[in-house]
C-alpha atoms as a PDB file:
ATOM      1  CA  MET A   1      73.649  38.469  58.334  1.00  0.00           C
ATOM      2  CA  LYS A   2      74.306  35.726  55.820  1.00  0.00           C
ATOM      3  CA  ARG A   3      71.158  36.634  53.860  1.00  0.00           C
ATOM      4  CA  ILE A   4      72.169  40.308  53.543  1.00  0.00           C
ATOM      5  CA  THR A   5      75.614  39.325  52.287  1.00  0.00           C
ATOM      6  CA  THR A   6      74.052  37.125  49.605  1.00  0.00           C
ATOM      7  CA  VAL A   7      71.776  39.947  48.442  1.00  0.00           C
ATOM      8  CA  VAL A   8      74.699  42.388  48.270  1.00  0.00           C
ATOM      9  CA  VAL A   9      76.802  39.909  46.301  1.00  0.00           C
ATOM     10  CA  LEU A  10      73.952  39.198  43.855  1.00  0.00           C
ATOM     11  CA  ALA A  11      73.198  42.893  43.440  1.00  0.00           C
ATOM     12  CA  THR A  12      76.872  43.657  42.838  1.00  0.00           C
ATOM     13  CA  MET A  13      77.200  40.820  40.313  1.00  0.00           C
ATOM     14  CA  THR A  14      74.044  41.978  38.521  1.00  0.00           C
ATOM     15  CA  MET A  15      75.238  45.582  38.451  1.00  0.00           C
ATOM     16  CA  PHE A  16      78.657  44.653  37.045  1.00  0.00           C
ATOM     17  CA  GLY A  17      77.083  42.271  34.530  1.00  0.00           C
ATOM     18  CA  THR A  18      74.793  45.065  33.336  1.00  0.00           C
ATOM     19  CA  VAL A  19      77.673  47.541  33.026  1.00  0.00           C
ATOM     20  CA  ALA A  20      79.809  44.969  31.197  1.00  0.00           C
ATOM     21  CA  ALA A  21      76.969  44.279  28.769  1.00  0.00           C
ATOM     22  CA  GLY A  22      76.600  47.977  27.916  1.00  0.00           C
ATOM     23  CA  GLY A  23      73.635  48.903  30.095  1.00  0.00           C
ATOM     24  CA  PRO A  24      70.283  47.537  31.115  1.00  0.00           C
ATOM     25  CA  PRO A  25      68.305  45.407  28.660  1.00  0.00           C
ATOM     26  CA  GLY A  26      66.493  47.501  26.071  1.00  0.00           C
ATOM     27  CA  GLN A  27      69.035  50.288  26.413  1.00  0.00           C
ATOM     28  CA  GLU A  28      71.397  49.185  23.656  1.00  0.00           C
ATOM     29  CA  GLU A  29      73.159  51.980  21.829  1.00  0.00           C
ATOM     30  CA  LYS A  30      71.245  53.262  18.819  1.00  0.00           C
ATOM     31  CA  GLN A  31      72.879  53.087  15.415  1.00  0.00           C
ATOM     32  CA  SER A  32      73.648  56.452  13.898  1.00  0.00           C
ATOM     33  CA  VAL A  33      72.252  56.924  10.389  1.00  0.00           C
ATOM     34  CA  SER A  34      71.987  59.926   8.096  1.00  0.00           C
ATOM     35  CA  LYS A  35      68.784  61.917   7.798  1.00  0.00           C
ATOM     36  CA  ASP A  36      68.169  60.324   4.370  1.00  0.00           C
ATOM     37  CA  GLN A  37      68.762  56.808   5.726  1.00  0.00           C
ATOM     38  CA  TYR A  38      66.402  57.473   8.653  1.00  0.00           C
ATOM     39  CA  ARG A  39      63.771  58.753   6.209  1.00  0.00           C
ATOM     40  CA  ILE A  40      64.061  55.551   4.161  1.00  0.00           C
ATOM     41  CA  LEU A  41      63.759  53.405   7.299  1.00  0.00           C
ATOM     42  CA  THR A  42      60.620  55.194   8.460  1.00  0.00           C
ATOM     43  CA  ARG A  43      59.021  55.437   5.009  1.00  0.00           C
ATOM     44  CA  GLN A  44      59.476  51.749   4.280  1.00  0.00           C
ATOM     45  CA  CYS A  45      57.134  51.040   7.203  1.00  0.00           C
ATOM     46  CA  ARG A  46      54.192  52.085   5.025  1.00  0.00           C
ATOM     47  CA  TYR A  47      54.652  48.865   3.060  1.00  0.00           C
ATOM     48  CA  ALA A  48      54.120  46.638   6.101  1.00  0.00           C
ATOM     49  CA  ASP A  49      51.108  44.351   5.725  1.00  0.00           C
ATOM     50  CA  THR A  50      48.849  45.719   8.469  1.00  0.00           C
ATOM     51  CA  THR A  51      48.393  48.887  10.498  1.00  0.00           C
ATOM     52  CA  LYS A  52      49.797  47.053  13.515  1.00  0.00           C
ATOM     53  CA  ALA A  53      52.848  45.915  11.524  1.00  0.00           C
ATOM     54  CA  GLN A  54      53.373  49.497  10.311  1.00  0.00           C
ATOM     55  CA  GLU A  55      53.271  50.788  13.895  1.00  0.00           C
ATOM     56  CA  GLU A  56      55.681  48.065  15.059  1.00  0.00           C
ATOM     57  CA  CYS A  57      58.017  48.938  12.196  1.00  0.00           C
ATOM     58  CA  ARG A  58      58.089  52.620  13.145  1.00  0.00           C
ATOM     59  CA  ALA A  59      58.659  51.710  16.803  1.00  0.00           C
ATOM     60  CA  ARG A  60      61.627  49.493  15.825  1.00  0.00           C
ATOM     61  CA  VAL A  61      63.134  52.334  13.781  1.00  0.00           C
ATOM     62  CA  GLU A  62      62.792  54.769  16.690  1.00  0.00           C
ATOM     63  CA  GLU A  63      64.251  52.173  19.074  1.00  0.00           C
ATOM     64  CA  LYS A  64      67.228  51.157  16.914  1.00  0.00           C
ATOM     65  CA  TYR A  65      68.300  54.287  15.017  1.00  0.00           C
ATOM     66  CA  VAL A  66      69.205  57.907  15.627  1.00  0.00           C
ATOM     67  CA  ILE A  67      69.899  60.659  13.082  1.00  0.00           C
ATOM     68  CA  GLY A  68      73.577  61.502  13.023  1.00  0.00           C
ATOM     69  CA  GLN A  69      76.427  60.252  10.856  1.00  0.00           C
ATOM     70  CA  ARG A  70      75.697  58.263   7.706  1.00  0.00           C
ATOM     71  CA  ALA A  71      76.049  54.509   8.269  1.00  0.00           C
ATOM     72  CA  PRO A  72      78.027  53.134   5.324  1.00  0.00           C
ATOM     73  CA  ASP A  73      77.329  49.563   6.485  1.00  0.00           C
ATOM     74  CA  LEU A  74      73.530  49.928   6.612  1.00  0.00           C
ATOM     75  CA  ASP A  75      72.076  47.282   4.291  1.00  0.00           C
ATOM     76  CA  CYS A  76      70.062  49.336   1.794  1.00  0.00           C
ATOM     77  CA  ARG A  77      68.806  48.106  -1.561  1.00  0.00           C
ATOM     78  CA  THR A  78      66.577  49.361  -4.371  1.00  0.00           C
ATOM     79  CA  TYR A  79      64.445  47.234  -6.665  1.00  0.00           C
ATOM     80  CA  SER A  80      61.555  48.312  -8.894  1.00  0.00           C
ATOM     81  CA  GLY A  81      61.934  51.886  -7.671  1.00  0.00           C
ATOM     82  CA  VAL A  82      61.569  50.948  -3.981  1.00  0.00           C
ATOM     83  CA  THR A  83      64.443  51.511  -1.553  1.00  0.00           C
ATOM     84  CA  VAL A  84      64.529  49.770   1.804  1.00  0.00           C
ATOM     85  CA  CYS A  85      67.190  49.448   4.486  1.00  0.00           C
ATOM     86  CA  GLY A  86      67.867  46.986   7.257  1.00  0.00           C
ATOM     87  CA  VAL A  87      65.886  43.896   8.132  1.00  0.00           C
ATOM     88  CA  LEU A  88      62.433  43.542   6.627  1.00  0.00           C
ATOM     89  CA  TYR A  89      59.857  41.828   8.832  1.00  0.00           C
ATOM     90  CA  LEU A  90      57.674  39.921   6.385  1.00  0.00           C
ATOM     91  CA  SER A  91      54.175  38.597   6.965  1.00  0.00           C
ATOM     92  CA  ASP A  92      53.441  34.942   6.217  1.00  0.00           C
ATOM     93  CA  ARG A  93      51.841  36.002   2.920  1.00  0.00           C
ATOM     94  CA  GLU A  94      54.952  37.996   1.958  1.00  0.00           C
ATOM     95  CA  LYS A  95      57.232  35.100   2.919  1.00  0.00           C
ATOM     96  CA  GLN A  96      55.211  32.822   0.638  1.00  0.00           C
ATOM     97  CA  CYS A  97      55.547  35.386  -2.143  1.00  0.00           C
ATOM     98  CA  VAL A  98      59.336  35.419  -1.627  1.00  0.00           C
ATOM     99  CA  ARG A  99      59.522  31.608  -1.798  1.00  0.00           C
ATOM    100  CA  GLU A 100      57.508  31.547  -5.026  1.00  0.00           C
ATOM    101  CA  SER A 101      59.540  34.370  -6.576  1.00  0.00           C
ATOM    102  CA  VAL A 102      62.847  32.724  -5.705  1.00  0.00           C
ATOM    103  CA  ASP A 103      61.558  29.420  -7.095  1.00  0.00           C
ATOM    104  CA  SER A 104      60.723  31.324 -10.298  1.00  0.00           C
ATOM    105  CA  GLY A 105      64.285  32.619 -10.610  1.00  0.00           C
ATOM    106  CA  LEU A 106      64.399  36.013  -8.872  1.00  0.00           C
ATOM    107  CA  THR A 107      67.098  36.659  -6.306  1.00  0.00           C
ATOM    108  CA  TYR A 108      66.098  36.504  -2.664  1.00  0.00           C
ATOM    109  CA  ARG A 109      66.923  40.183  -2.062  1.00  0.00           C
ATOM    110  CA  ARG A 110      64.858  41.391  -4.993  1.00  0.00           C
ATOM    111  CA  SER A 111      61.974  39.075  -4.103  1.00  0.00           C
ATOM    112  CA  GLU A 112      62.055  40.283  -0.509  1.00  0.00           C
ATOM    113  CA  VAL A 113      61.769  43.954  -1.493  1.00  0.00           C
ATOM    114  CA  GLU A 114      59.141  43.428  -4.181  1.00  0.00           C
ATOM    115  CA  CYS A 115      56.975  41.123  -2.045  1.00  0.00           C
ATOM    116  CA  TYR A 116      57.241  43.514   0.913  1.00  0.00           C
ATOM    117  CA  ALA A 117      56.324  46.578  -1.144  1.00  0.00           C
ATOM    118  CA  PHE A 118      53.788  45.240  -3.632  1.00  0.00           C
ATOM    119  CA  TYR A 119      52.066  42.141  -2.216  1.00  0.00           C
END
């Protein structure tokens, strides 16, 4: 009897912890973005370094965002004619490019976009 009680208590605590945290892991609420913002997020994946990185980028977009209301707080920026939004996942080569560009005087944000898109 004692063992069953322990299981019920643990299950109840786990269930309430999950509800309090907003749902099971991996089920976080998606951020609503406009159709144009979603298009930017998916199109920027073409700049990722490898085919695998491009696929992972698209999967992250599908996992994190949903088309709906425009997100005024979405971090979007345009440099050298390239617009990107959100976090950029840079390869080691791109990170090195950013370090060198910043050391040469470019801002981090500009270096990040240019190294992601062109190198």
